[in-house]
C-alpha atoms as a PDB file:
ATOM      1  CA  MET A   1      50.171  38.596 -28.940  1.00  0.00           C
ATOM      2  CA  LYS A   2      49.497  39.644 -24.765  1.00  0.00           C
ATOM      3  CA  LYS A   3      45.693  39.940 -25.344  1.00  0.00           C
ATOM      4  CA  PHE A   4      45.993  36.508 -27.331  1.00  0.00           C
ATOM      5  CA  PHE A   5      47.860  34.892 -24.304  1.00  0.00           C
ATOM      6  CA  ILE A   6      45.765  36.508 -21.742  1.00  0.00           C
ATOM      7  CA  LEU A   7      42.066  35.725 -23.902  1.00  0.00           C
ATOM      8  CA  VAL A   8      43.182  31.424 -24.087  1.00  0.00           C
ATOM      9  CA  VAL A   9      44.217  31.687 -20.381  1.00  0.00           C
ATOM     10  CA  PHE A  10      40.748  33.463 -19.092  1.00  0.00           C
ATOM     11  CA  SER A  11      39.607  30.626 -21.893  1.00  0.00           C
ATOM     12  CA  LEU A  12      40.792  27.767 -20.824  1.00  0.00           C
ATOM     13  CA  VAL A  13      39.719  29.305 -16.849  1.00  0.00           C
ATOM     14  CA  THR A  14      36.470  29.314 -17.375  1.00  0.00           C
ATOM     15  CA  LEU A  15      35.951  26.059 -19.078  1.00  0.00           C
ATOM     16  CA  PHE A  16      37.064  24.355 -16.281  1.00  0.00           C
ATOM     17  CA  SER A  17      34.934  26.111 -14.190  1.00  0.00           C
ATOM     18  CA  TYR A  18      32.258  25.256 -15.851  1.00  0.00           C
ATOM     19  CA  SER A  19      33.450  21.417 -15.861  1.00  0.00           C
ATOM     20  CA  GLN A  20      33.064  21.479 -12.371  1.00  0.00           C
ATOM     21  CA  VAL A  21      29.657  23.154 -12.328  1.00  0.00           C
ATOM     22  CA  SER A  22      28.561  21.070 -14.273  1.00  0.00           C
ATOM     23  CA  GLU A  23      29.126  18.096 -12.735  1.00  0.00           C
ATOM     24  CA  LYS A  24      28.110  19.641  -9.097  1.00  0.00           C
ATOM     25  CA  GLN A  25      24.165  20.162 -11.060  1.00  0.00           C
ATOM     26  CA  GLY A  26      24.165  17.095 -12.181  1.00  0.00           C
ATOM     27  CA  ILE A  27      25.025  15.014  -8.871  1.00  0.00           C
ATOM     28  CA  THR A  28      22.560  17.330  -6.756  1.00  0.00           C
ATOM     29  CA  LYS A  29      19.841  16.603  -9.004  1.00  0.00           C
ATOM     30  CA  ALA A  30      20.718  12.818  -8.905  1.00  0.00           C
ATOM     31  CA  ILE A  31      20.856  13.279  -5.116  1.00  0.00           C
ATOM     32  CA  GLN A  32      17.462  15.178  -5.213  1.00  0.00           C
ATOM     33  CA  GLU A  33      16.040  12.530  -7.113  1.00  0.00           C
ATOM     34  CA  GLY A  34      17.616   9.787  -4.854  1.00  0.00           C
ATOM     35  CA  ASN A  35      19.083   8.219  -8.074  1.00  0.00           C
ATOM     36  CA  ALA A  36      21.736   6.157  -7.212  1.00  0.00           C
ATOM     37  CA  LYS A  37      22.315   5.145 -10.333  1.00  0.00           C
ATOM     38  CA  ALA A  38      22.918   8.626 -11.926  1.00  0.00           C
ATOM     39  CA  LEU A  39      25.187  10.035  -8.813  1.00  0.00           C
ATOM     40  CA  GLY A  40      27.258   6.162  -9.447  1.00  0.00           C
ATOM     41  CA  GLY A  41      28.080   7.865 -12.447  1.00  0.00           C
ATOM     42  CA  TYR A  42      30.332  10.398 -11.315  1.00  0.00           C
ATOM     43  CA  PHE A  43      31.874   8.222  -8.948  1.00  0.00           C
ATOM     44  CA  THR A  44      36.005   8.036  -9.292  1.00  0.00           C
ATOM     45  CA  LYS A  45      36.783   4.032  -9.867  1.00  0.00           C
ATOM     46  CA  THR A  46      37.095   3.713  -5.911  1.00  0.00           C
ATOM     47  CA  VAL A  47      34.802   5.874  -3.168  1.00  0.00           C
ATOM     48  CA  ASP A  48      35.573   6.637  -0.107  1.00  0.00           C
ATOM     49  CA  LEU A  49      32.049   6.129   1.477  1.00  0.00           C
ATOM     50  CA  THR A  50      30.393   6.964   4.739  1.00  0.00           C
ATOM     51  CA  VAL A  51      26.159   6.248   5.325  1.00  0.00           C
ATOM     52  CA  LYS A  52      25.454   6.803   8.725  1.00  0.00           C
ATOM     53  CA  ASP A  53      27.929   5.163  10.939  1.00  0.00           C
ATOM     54  CA  VAL A  54      29.169   2.748   8.001  1.00  0.00           C
ATOM     55  CA  GLU A  55      32.827   3.723   6.146  1.00  0.00           C
ATOM     56  CA  ASP A  56      34.833   2.463   4.609  1.00  0.00           C
ATOM     57  CA  VAL A  57      36.613   2.395   0.632  1.00  0.00           C
ATOM     58  CA  TYR A  58      34.088   0.518  -1.738  1.00  0.00           C
ATOM     59  CA  SER A  59      34.158   0.292  -5.905  1.00  0.00           C
ATOM     60  CA  LYS A  60      32.123   2.400  -7.888  1.00  0.00           C
ATOM     61  CA  GLU A  61      29.686  -0.685  -8.452  1.00  0.00           C
ATOM     62  CA  GLN A  62      29.480  -1.495  -4.492  1.00  0.00           C
ATOM     63  CA  ALA A  63      28.990   2.007  -3.749  1.00  0.00           C
ATOM     64  CA  GLU A  64      25.911   2.342  -5.843  1.00  0.00           C
ATOM     65  CA  VAL A  65      24.283  -0.388  -4.148  1.00  0.00           C
ATOM     66  CA  ILE A  66      24.679   1.146  -0.712  1.00  0.00           C
ATOM     67  CA  LEU A  67      23.451   3.817  -1.694  1.00  0.00           C
ATOM     68  CA  THR A  68      20.078   2.573  -3.857  1.00  0.00           C
ATOM     69  CA  ARG A  69      19.463   0.941  -0.580  1.00  0.00           C
ATOM     70  CA  PHE A  70      19.938   4.265   1.365  1.00  0.00           C
ATOM     71  CA  PHE A  71      17.970   6.061  -0.717  1.00  0.00           C
ATOM     72  CA  ASP A  72      15.032   3.168  -0.836  1.00  0.00           C
ATOM     73  CA  GLU A  73      14.664   3.090   3.105  1.00  0.00           C
ATOM     74  CA  ASN A  74      14.806   6.956   2.977  1.00  0.00           C
ATOM     75  CA  LYS A  75      12.812   8.860   0.464  1.00  0.00           C
ATOM     76  CA  THR A  76      14.540  12.038  -0.677  1.00  0.00           C
ATOM     77  CA  LYS A  77      12.828  14.994  -0.485  1.00  0.00           C
ATOM     78  CA  THR A  78      14.711  17.764  -0.929  1.00  0.00           C
ATOM     79  CA  TYR A  79      18.784  18.324  -0.934  1.00  0.00           C
ATOM     80  CA  THR A  80      20.020  21.840  -0.372  1.00  0.00           C
ATOM     81  CA  VAL A  81      23.922  22.940  -0.851  1.00  0.00           C
ATOM     82  CA  LYS A  82      24.564  25.398   2.261  1.00  0.00           C
ATOM     83  CA  HIS A  83      28.449  25.811   1.937  1.00  0.00           C
ATOM     84  CA  GLU A  84      31.096  24.912  -0.699  1.00  0.00           C
ATOM     85  CA  GLY A  85      34.442  25.605  -1.227  1.00  0.00           C
ATOM     86  CA  LYS A  86      37.949  24.343  -2.559  1.00  0.00           C
ATOM     87  CA  SER A  87      40.449  22.332  -0.519  1.00  0.00           C
ATOM     88  CA  LYS A  88      44.197  22.996  -0.204  1.00  0.00           C
ATOM     89  CA  LEU A  89      44.719  19.879  -2.133  1.00  0.00           C
ATOM     90  CA  ASP A  90      42.490  21.029  -5.216  1.00  0.00           C
ATOM     91  CA  ASP A  91      39.261  19.419  -4.557  1.00  0.00           C
ATOM     92  CA  TYR A  92      36.037  21.161  -4.454  1.00  0.00           C
ATOM     93  CA  TYR A  93      33.636  20.326  -1.422  1.00  0.00           C
ATOM     94  CA  TYR A  94      30.360  20.438  -1.172  1.00  0.00           C
ATOM     95  CA  ILE A  95      28.268  20.355   2.024  1.00  0.00           C
ATOM     96  CA  GLY A  96      24.361  19.820   2.216  1.00  0.00           C
ATOM     97  CA  ASP A  97      21.223  19.334   3.866  1.00  0.00           C
ATOM     98  CA  LEU A  98      19.884  15.993   2.421  1.00  0.00           C
ATOM     99  CA  VAL A  99      15.687  15.980   3.630  1.00  0.00           C
ATOM    100  CA  THR A 100      14.281  12.128   3.367  1.00  0.00           C
ATOM    101  CA  SER A 101      10.832  10.442   4.737  1.00  0.00           C
ATOM    102  CA  THR A 102      13.173   9.485   7.711  1.00  0.00           C
ATOM    103  CA  GLY A 103      14.832  12.586   8.968  1.00  0.00           C
ATOM    104  CA  THR A 104      17.876  14.884   7.707  1.00  0.00           C
ATOM    105  CA  TYR A 105      21.117  14.155   6.903  1.00  0.00           C
ATOM    106  CA  ARG A 106      24.224  16.156   6.606  1.00  0.00           C
ATOM    107  CA  LEU A 107      25.098  15.087   2.785  1.00  0.00           C
ATOM    108  CA  THR A 108      29.233  16.289   1.875  1.00  0.00           C
ATOM    109  CA  PHE A 109      30.828  15.031  -1.772  1.00  0.00           C
ATOM    110  CA  PHE A 110      34.095  15.783  -2.977  1.00  0.00           C
ATOM    111  CA  LEU A 111      34.881  16.671  -6.187  1.00  0.00           C
ATOM    112  CA  LYS A 112      38.588  15.851  -7.804  1.00  0.00           C
ATOM    113  CA  LYS A 113      40.101  16.472 -10.972  1.00  0.00           C
ATOM    114  CA  ASP A 114      39.964  13.526 -13.611  1.00  0.00           C
ATOM    115  CA  GLY A 115      41.123  13.792 -16.853  1.00  0.00           C
ATOM    116  CA  GLU A 116      38.491  16.885 -18.136  1.00  0.00           C
ATOM    117  CA  VAL A 117      35.948  15.787 -15.561  1.00  0.00           C
ATOM    118  CA  PHE A 118      35.405  15.870 -11.969  1.00  0.00           C
ATOM    119  CA  ARG A 119      34.398  12.711 -10.092  1.00  0.00           C
ATOM    120  CA  VAL A 120      33.334  12.200  -6.585  1.00  0.00           C
ATOM    121  CA  LYS A 121      35.873  10.602  -4.730  1.00  0.00           C
ATOM    122  CA  GLN A 122      34.426  11.029  -1.471  1.00  0.00           C
ATOM    123  CA  LEU A 123      30.922  10.795  -0.271  1.00  0.00           C
ATOM    124  CA  ARG A 124      29.263  10.917   2.955  1.00  0.00           C
ATOM    125  CA  ILE A 125      25.465  10.990   4.541  1.00  0.00           C
ATOM    126  CA  GLU A 126      25.642  11.036   7.948  1.00  0.00           C
ATOM    127  CA  ASN A 127      23.000  11.743  10.439  1.00  0.00           C
ATOM    128  CA  GLY A 128      22.043  15.408  10.958  1.00  0.00           C
ATOM    129  CA  GLU A 129      21.334  18.220  13.946  1.00  0.00           C
END
């Protein structure tokens, strides 16, 4: 019985970790492609969005429009995650370099557990070094 319990706990932890990794990969791919629509599919209903010097909380749809404009004006070349971790609030965060046709930006996104999946609750695109 003890072995069964350990197996169930291990399976749940593995499944939980896989879900978060799967969303991270999809989000990273959408960023690398400059695809705001695909990226928006991972957003919570409202998103804390920062693009350069403008920041606010937007609906999922508004955030997609803002990101579409950003990606149209700044063609994505690469996005590489440089650092990742887990916050005290149990959110996962990813920090990376977004290289575009107009320069390099620091892009950070935070994932929050929403039911059985993780959703982007915050995304920041800030001027790079």
